[in-house]
Amino acid sequence: MKKILFALSFIISTFCFAQKELQPAGSEIIETVEGDLDGDQIPERVVIYNTKDEGELGKIREIQIQKKSGGTWMVLSKSRNAILESAGGGMMGDPYQSTSISKGILSITQAGGSSWKWGYTDKYRFQNGHFELIGYSSESGRSGDYWAEVDFNLSTGQLNYKKDVENTKEYGKSKQETYIKKGLKIDLQNRNQKESRKIILPKTKEEVYL
């Protein structure tokens, strides 16, 4: 029994030491999830940090994807652009919702707003040596006015847009459009830029922001 307890204690202390070694100085861990992201059947570890550094909208967040190699944890990829800053949710405050791994896909969900609300999920896959954005889905709007939904498969380029309008006097009729937009290269490192990426749908003239 003592041997088992000692072994567990050793594993936990080693894990904590590895976490501290890779953790940005002065940061706090928001969430840690594990799962296989590169197809080698060995789980990677994804850690979201709240750093001590200030941005325009609160504390800057850092995501690290850590891989175990030769018994030592190392950083496979990291970014301070994929996770919004701590006050980036507007009146709702912290926009960070969750991170998950399923079938090799890394999903990150964030949301914010006030009476007008927005939320989106990014899906990344490890390919071409880095984590590329392969899917984006979002909802935005306000009850009594309209709700807009976007489902964008960046791998195929197919973007599905739907806008259900309740306040037709101010916002017109409900709209729906499928558009093919290929060639966008977005990854963890260049995800959220100062100027949002904008797609103008050719038929409805609706604007989709990434």
C-alpha atoms as a PDB file:
ATOM      1  CA  MET A   1       0.000   0.000   0.000  1.00  0.00           C
ATOM      2  CA  LYS A   2       2.819   2.373   0.910  1.00  0.00           C
ATOM      3  CA  LYS A   3       4.514   1.604  -2.430  1.00  0.00           C
ATOM      4  CA  ILE A   4       1.327   2.470  -4.325  1.00  0.00           C
ATOM      5  CA  LEU A   5       0.902   5.728  -2.421  1.00  0.00           C
ATOM      6  CA  PHE A   6       4.543   6.602  -3.045  1.00  0.00           C
ATOM      7  CA  ALA A   7       4.185   5.902  -6.773  1.00  0.00           C
ATOM      8  CA  LEU A   8       1.056   8.049  -6.999  1.00  0.00           C
ATOM      9  CA  SER A   9       2.740  10.831  -5.082  1.00  0.00           C
ATOM     10  CA  PHE A  10       5.739  10.676  -7.432  1.00  0.00           C
ATOM     11  CA  ILE A  11       3.528  10.806 -10.540  1.00  0.00           C
ATOM     12  CA  ILE A  12       1.526  13.773  -9.216  1.00  0.00           C
ATOM     13  CA  SER A  13       4.636  15.712  -8.183  1.00  0.00           C
ATOM     14  CA  THR A  14       6.256  15.048 -11.581  1.00  0.00           C
ATOM     15  CA  PHE A  15       3.105  16.204 -13.363  1.00  0.00           C
ATOM     16  CA  CYS A  16       2.935  19.408 -11.288  1.00  0.00           C
ATOM     17  CA  PHE A  17       6.631  20.112 -11.901  1.00  0.00           C
ATOM     18  CA  ALA A  18       6.171  19.703 -15.659  1.00  0.00           C
ATOM     19  CA  GLN A  19       3.183  22.052 -15.567  1.00  0.00           C
ATOM     20  CA  LYS A  20       5.177  24.726 -13.746  1.00  0.00           C
ATOM     21  CA  GLU A  21       8.127  24.374 -16.125  1.00  0.00           C
ATOM     22  CA  LEU A  22       5.978  25.235 -19.157  1.00  0.00           C
ATOM     23  CA  GLN A  23       3.608  27.682 -17.474  1.00  0.00           C
ATOM     24  CA  PRO A  24       4.116  31.388 -18.310  1.00  0.00           C
ATOM     25  CA  ALA A  25       5.472  33.298 -15.301  1.00  0.00           C
ATOM     26  CA  GLY A  26       2.744  34.806 -13.132  1.00  0.00           C
ATOM     27  CA  SER A  27      -0.090  33.084 -15.010  1.00  0.00           C
ATOM     28  CA  GLU A  28      -3.010  30.998 -13.756  1.00  0.00           C
ATOM     29  CA  ILE A  29      -4.405  27.854 -15.334  1.00  0.00           C
ATOM     30  CA  ILE A  30      -7.998  28.252 -16.530  1.00  0.00           C
ATOM     31  CA  GLU A  31      -8.511  24.768 -17.920  1.00  0.00           C
ATOM     32  CA  THR A  32      -6.616  21.613 -18.882  1.00  0.00           C
ATOM     33  CA  VAL A  33      -7.910  18.931 -21.266  1.00  0.00           C
ATOM     34  CA  GLU A  34      -6.249  15.842 -22.754  1.00  0.00           C
ATOM     35  CA  GLY A  35      -6.745  13.892 -25.959  1.00  0.00           C
ATOM     36  CA  ASP A  36      -4.958  12.615 -29.046  1.00  0.00           C
ATOM     37  CA  LEU A  37      -4.499  15.465 -31.522  1.00  0.00           C
ATOM     38  CA  ASP A  38      -1.780  14.194 -33.861  1.00  0.00           C
ATOM     39  CA  GLY A  39      -2.995  10.644 -34.489  1.00  0.00           C
ATOM     40  CA  ASP A  40      -0.257   8.768 -32.647  1.00  0.00           C
ATOM     41  CA  GLN A  41      -2.692   7.327 -30.058  1.00  0.00           C
ATOM     42  CA  ILE A  42      -0.850   9.214 -27.283  1.00  0.00           C
ATOM     43  CA  PRO A  43      -2.843  11.984 -25.586  1.00  0.00           C
ATOM     44  CA  GLU A  44      -1.642  15.553 -25.890  1.00  0.00           C
ATOM     45  CA  ARG A  45      -2.400  18.077 -23.166  1.00  0.00           C
ATOM     46  CA  VAL A  46      -4.080  21.421 -23.890  1.00  0.00           C
ATOM     47  CA  VAL A  47      -3.708  24.113 -21.246  1.00  0.00           C
ATOM     48  CA  ILE A  48      -5.410  27.525 -21.211  1.00  0.00           C
ATOM     49  CA  TYR A  49      -3.614  30.186 -19.159  1.00  0.00           C
ATOM     50  CA  ASN A  50      -4.699  33.571 -17.874  1.00  0.00           C
ATOM     51  CA  THR A  51      -1.410  35.478 -18.142  1.00  0.00           C
ATOM     52  CA  LYS A  52      -0.258  38.476 -16.099  1.00  0.00           C
ATOM     53  CA  ASP A  53       0.014  40.576 -19.274  1.00  0.00           C
ATOM     54  CA  GLU A  54      -2.616  43.221 -20.018  1.00  0.00           C
ATOM     55  CA  GLY A  55      -4.198  43.644 -23.428  1.00  0.00           C
ATOM     56  CA  GLU A  56      -6.783  46.114 -24.692  1.00  0.00           C
ATOM     57  CA  LEU A  57      -9.614  44.034 -23.185  1.00  0.00           C
ATOM     58  CA  GLY A  58      -8.186  42.568 -19.993  1.00  0.00           C
ATOM     59  CA  LYS A  59      -5.651  39.847 -19.365  1.00  0.00           C
ATOM     60  CA  ILE A  60      -4.101  38.114 -22.369  1.00  0.00           C
ATOM     61  CA  ARG A  61      -4.819  34.381 -22.619  1.00  0.00           C
ATOM     62  CA  GLU A  62      -2.351  31.778 -23.844  1.00  0.00           C
ATOM     63  CA  ILE A  63      -3.152  28.320 -25.137  1.00  0.00           C
ATOM     64  CA  GLN A  64      -0.442  25.670 -25.094  1.00  0.00           C
ATOM     65  CA  ILE A  65      -0.636  22.277 -26.737  1.00  0.00           C
ATOM     66  CA  GLN A  66       1.842  20.082 -24.927  1.00  0.00           C
ATOM     67  CA  LYS A  67       3.246  16.751 -26.098  1.00  0.00           C
ATOM     68  CA  LYS A  68       5.132  14.131 -24.127  1.00  0.00           C
ATOM     69  CA  SER A  69       8.377  13.095 -25.788  1.00  0.00           C
ATOM     70  CA  GLY A  70      10.942  10.810 -24.153  1.00  0.00           C
ATOM     71  CA  GLY A  71       9.154  11.116 -20.829  1.00  0.00           C
ATOM     72  CA  THR A  72       9.300  14.929 -20.895  1.00  0.00           C
ATOM     73  CA  TRP A  73       6.509  17.352 -21.674  1.00  0.00           C
ATOM     74  CA  MET A  74       7.271  19.900 -24.393  1.00  0.00           C
ATOM     75  CA  VAL A  75       5.259  22.619 -26.147  1.00  0.00           C
ATOM     76  CA  LEU A  76       4.056  21.407 -29.538  1.00  0.00           C
ATOM     77  CA  SER A  77       2.244  24.656 -30.298  1.00  0.00           C
ATOM     78  CA  LYS A  78       1.133  27.790 -28.472  1.00  0.00           C
ATOM     79  CA  SER A  79      -0.714  31.006 -29.228  1.00  0.00           C
ATOM     80  CA  ARG A  80      -1.905  34.222 -27.627  1.00  0.00           C
ATOM     81  CA  ASN A  81      -4.336  34.921 -30.461  1.00  0.00           C
ATOM     82  CA  ALA A  82      -6.758  31.988 -30.347  1.00  0.00           C
ATOM     83  CA  ILE A  83      -8.318  32.793 -26.948  1.00  0.00           C
ATOM     84  CA  LEU A  84      -9.968  36.180 -26.394  1.00  0.00           C
ATOM     85  CA  GLU A  85      -8.795  38.466 -23.590  1.00  0.00           C
ATOM     86  CA  SER A  86     -10.412  38.197 -20.154  1.00  0.00           C
ATOM     87  CA  ALA A  87     -12.884  41.063 -20.660  1.00  0.00           C
ATOM     88  CA  GLY A  88     -13.460  40.404 -24.362  1.00  0.00           C
ATOM     89  CA  GLY A  89     -17.055  39.328 -23.761  1.00  0.00           C
ATOM     90  CA  GLY A  90     -18.321  42.881 -23.303  1.00  0.00           C
ATOM     91  CA  MET A  91     -21.044  43.258 -20.665  1.00  0.00           C
ATOM     92  CA  MET A  92     -20.934  39.486 -20.096  1.00  0.00           C
ATOM     93  CA  GLY A  93     -17.269  39.750 -19.078  1.00  0.00           C
ATOM     94  CA  ASP A  94     -15.086  36.710 -19.595  1.00  0.00           C
ATOM     95  CA  PRO A  95     -15.801  35.255 -23.067  1.00  0.00           C
ATOM     96  CA  TYR A  96     -14.063  31.911 -22.519  1.00  0.00           C
ATOM     97  CA  GLN A  97     -16.521  29.002 -22.344  1.00  0.00           C
ATOM     98  CA  SER A  98     -14.788  25.678 -22.912  1.00  0.00           C
ATOM     99  CA  THR A  99     -12.192  23.607 -24.748  1.00  0.00           C
ATOM    100  CA  SER A 100     -12.672  19.988 -25.808  1.00  0.00           C
ATOM    101  CA  ILE A 101     -11.023  17.274 -27.895  1.00  0.00           C
ATOM    102  CA  SER A 102     -12.994  14.737 -29.935  1.00  0.00           C
ATOM    103  CA  LYS A 103     -11.788  12.485 -32.774  1.00  0.00           C
ATOM    104  CA  GLY A 104      -8.562  14.457 -33.105  1.00  0.00           C
ATOM    105  CA  ILE A 105     -10.332  17.822 -33.365  1.00  0.00           C
ATOM    106  CA  LEU A 106      -9.652  20.665 -30.923  1.00  0.00           C
ATOM    107  CA  SER A 107     -12.771  22.783 -30.267  1.00  0.00           C
ATOM    108  CA  ILE A 108     -12.766  26.149 -28.483  1.00  0.00           C
ATOM    109  CA  THR A 109     -16.007  27.945 -27.608  1.00  0.00           C
ATOM    110  CA  GLN A 110     -16.271  31.624 -26.649  1.00  0.00           C
ATOM    111  CA  ALA A 111     -19.228  33.983 -26.196  1.00  0.00           C
ATOM    112  CA  GLY A 112     -20.240  37.456 -25.060  1.00  0.00           C
ATOM    113  CA  GLY A 113     -22.506  40.468 -25.510  1.00  0.00           C
ATOM    114  CA  SER A 114     -25.301  42.084 -23.498  1.00  0.00           C
ATOM    115  CA  SER A 115     -28.850  42.217 -24.849  1.00  0.00           C
ATOM    116  CA  TRP A 116     -27.245  41.511 -28.218  1.00  0.00           C
ATOM    117  CA  LYS A 117     -25.411  38.235 -27.826  1.00  0.00           C
ATOM    118  CA  TRP A 118     -22.799  36.347 -29.790  1.00  0.00           C
ATOM    119  CA  GLY A 119     -20.978  33.056 -29.488  1.00  0.00           C
ATOM    120  CA  TYR A 120     -18.759  30.911 -31.660  1.00  0.00           C
ATOM    121  CA  THR A 121     -16.820  27.670 -31.771  1.00  0.00           C
ATOM    122  CA  ASP A 122     -13.503  27.189 -33.556  1.00  0.00           C
ATOM    123  CA  LYS A 123     -12.401  23.720 -34.647  1.00  0.00           C
ATOM    124  CA  TYR A 124      -8.729  22.990 -35.283  1.00  0.00           C
ATOM    125  CA  ARG A 125      -6.975  19.973 -36.755  1.00  0.00           C
ATOM    126  CA  PHE A 126      -3.251  19.234 -36.716  1.00  0.00           C
ATOM    127  CA  GLN A 127      -2.158  19.229 -40.353  1.00  0.00           C
ATOM    128  CA  ASN A 128       0.706  20.612 -42.416  1.00  0.00           C
ATOM    129  CA  GLY A 129       2.771  20.845 -39.248  1.00  0.00           C
ATOM    130  CA  HIS A 130       0.439  23.127 -37.294  1.00  0.00           C
ATOM    131  CA  PHE A 131      -3.114  23.498 -35.986  1.00  0.00           C
ATOM    132  CA  GLU A 132      -5.298  24.808 -38.798  1.00  0.00           C
ATOM    133  CA  LEU A 133      -8.816  26.155 -38.404  1.00  0.00           C
ATOM    134  CA  ILE A 134     -11.072  23.724 -40.274  1.00  0.00           C
ATOM    135  CA  GLY A 135     -14.467  24.740 -38.894  1.00  0.00           C
ATOM    136  CA  TYR A 136     -16.239  27.812 -37.538  1.00  0.00           C
ATOM    137  CA  SER A 137     -19.810  28.012 -36.261  1.00  0.00           C
ATOM    138  CA  SER A 138     -21.500  31.002 -34.667  1.00  0.00           C
ATOM    139  CA  GLU A 139     -24.778  32.460 -33.440  1.00  0.00           C
ATOM    140  CA  SER A 140     -25.520  36.138 -32.878  1.00  0.00           C
ATOM    141  CA  GLY A 141     -28.478  38.421 -32.395  1.00  0.00           C
ATOM    142  CA  ARG A 142     -31.147  39.502 -29.949  1.00  0.00           C
ATOM    143  CA  SER A 143     -34.496  38.042 -29.013  1.00  0.00           C
ATOM    144  CA  GLY A 144     -37.281  39.993 -30.698  1.00  0.00           C
ATOM    145  CA  ASP A 145     -35.017  41.236 -33.496  1.00  0.00           C
ATOM    146  CA  TYR A 146     -33.116  38.473 -35.285  1.00  0.00           C
ATOM    147  CA  TRP A 147     -30.768  35.511 -34.866  1.00  0.00           C
ATOM    148  CA  ALA A 148     -28.035  34.769 -37.388  1.00  0.00           C
ATOM    149  CA  GLU A 149     -26.255  31.419 -37.684  1.00  0.00           C
ATOM    150  CA  VAL A 150     -23.044  30.640 -39.557  1.00  0.00           C
ATOM    151  CA  ASP A 151     -21.592  27.187 -40.244  1.00  0.00           C
ATOM    152  CA  PHE A 152     -18.327  27.429 -42.176  1.00  0.00           C
ATOM    153  CA  ASN A 153     -16.303  24.390 -43.229  1.00  0.00           C
ATOM    154  CA  LEU A 154     -12.931  25.885 -44.143  1.00  0.00           C
ATOM    155  CA  SER A 155     -11.677  22.568 -45.524  1.00  0.00           C
ATOM    156  CA  THR A 156     -14.354  22.426 -48.251  1.00  0.00           C
ATOM    157  CA  GLY A 157     -14.984  26.169 -48.339  1.00  0.00           C
ATOM    158  CA  GLN A 158     -18.738  25.760 -47.817  1.00  0.00           C
ATOM    159  CA  LEU A 159     -20.312  28.512 -45.730  1.00  0.00           C
ATOM    160  CA  ASN A 160     -23.962  28.162 -44.685  1.00  0.00           C
ATOM    161  CA  TYR A 161     -25.682  31.319 -43.471  1.00  0.00           C
ATOM    162  CA  LYS A 162     -29.160  31.699 -41.999  1.00  0.00           C
ATOM    163  CA  LYS A 163     -30.845  34.774 -40.521  1.00  0.00           C
ATOM    164  CA  ASP A 164     -34.212  34.372 -38.818  1.00  0.00           C
ATOM    165  CA  VAL A 165     -35.798  37.805 -38.491  1.00  0.00           C
ATOM    166  CA  GLU A 166     -38.557  38.624 -36.015  1.00  0.00           C
ATOM    167  CA  ASN A 167     -38.449  42.408 -36.334  1.00  0.00           C
ATOM    168  CA  THR A 168     -39.071  42.540 -40.091  1.00  0.00           C
ATOM    169  CA  LYS A 169     -39.959  46.241 -39.998  1.00  0.00           C
ATOM    170  CA  GLU A 170     -36.397  47.152 -39.070  1.00  0.00           C
ATOM    171  CA  TYR A 171     -34.356  44.232 -40.444  1.00  0.00           C
ATOM    172  CA  GLY A 172     -36.341  43.015 -43.427  1.00  0.00           C
ATOM    173  CA  LYS A 173     -37.102  39.418 -44.343  1.00  0.00           C
ATOM    174  CA  SER A 174     -35.349  36.299 -43.115  1.00  0.00           C
ATOM    175  CA  LYS A 175     -32.411  35.265 -45.291  1.00  0.00           C
ATOM    176  CA  GLN A 176     -30.489  32.134 -46.135  1.00  0.00           C
ATOM    177  CA  GLU A 177     -27.476  31.520 -48.352  1.00  0.00           C
ATOM    178  CA  THR A 178     -24.827  28.908 -49.102  1.00  0.00           C
ATOM    179  CA  TYR A 179     -21.544  30.253 -50.417  1.00  0.00           C
ATOM    180  CA  ILE A 180     -18.222  28.653 -51.350  1.00  0.00           C
ATOM    181  CA  LYS A 181     -15.215  30.547 -50.032  1.00  0.00           C
ATOM    182  CA  LYS A 182     -11.907  28.707 -50.388  1.00  0.00           C
ATOM    183  CA  GLY A 183      -8.347  29.687 -49.648  1.00  0.00           C
ATOM    184  CA  LEU A 184      -8.568  31.053 -46.108  1.00  0.00           C
ATOM    185  CA  LYS A 185      -5.497  29.970 -44.141  1.00  0.00           C
ATOM    186  CA  ILE A 186      -6.156  30.454 -40.439  1.00  0.00           C
ATOM    187  CA  ASP A 187      -4.361  28.722 -37.584  1.00  0.00           C
ATOM    188  CA  LEU A 188      -3.828  29.089 -33.840  1.00  0.00           C
ATOM    189  CA  GLN A 189      -1.142  31.721 -34.345  1.00  0.00           C
ATOM    190  CA  ASN A 190      -3.017  34.099 -36.660  1.00  0.00           C
ATOM    191  CA  ARG A 191      -6.589  33.435 -35.484  1.00  0.00           C
ATOM    192  CA  ASN A 192      -7.823  36.744 -34.035  1.00  0.00           C
ATOM    193  CA  GLN A 193      -6.339  39.772 -35.737  1.00  0.00           C
ATOM    194  CA  LYS A 194      -6.887  43.455 -34.918  1.00  0.00           C
ATOM    195  CA  GLU A 195      -8.970  43.752 -38.078  1.00  0.00           C
ATOM    196  CA  SER A 196     -11.598  41.021 -38.342  1.00  0.00           C
ATOM    197  CA  ARG A 197     -11.739  38.958 -41.511  1.00  0.00           C
ATOM    198  CA  LYS A 198     -14.930  39.843 -43.360  1.00  0.00           C
ATOM    199  CA  ILE A 199     -16.828  37.863 -45.980  1.00  0.00           C
ATOM    200  CA  ILE A 200     -19.633  39.604 -47.893  1.00  0.00           C
ATOM    201  CA  LEU A 201     -22.145  37.054 -49.155  1.00  0.00           C
ATOM    202  CA  PRO A 202     -22.856  37.770 -52.854  1.00  0.00           C
ATOM    203  CA  LYS A 203     -26.639  37.153 -52.904  1.00  0.00           C
ATOM    204  CA  THR A 204     -27.902  38.436 -49.554  1.00  0.00           C
ATOM    205  CA  LYS A 205     -25.090  41.007 -49.082  1.00  0.00           C
ATOM    206  CA  GLU A 206     -24.869  39.899 -45.458  1.00  0.00           C
ATOM    207  CA  GLU A 207     -21.497  40.311 -43.747  1.00  0.00           C
ATOM    208  CA  VAL A 208     -19.819  37.408 -41.946  1.00  0.00           C
ATOM    209  CA  TYR A 209     -16.943  38.187 -39.593  1.00  0.00           C
ATOM    210  CA  LEU A 210     -14.288  35.719 -38.498  1.00  0.00           C
END
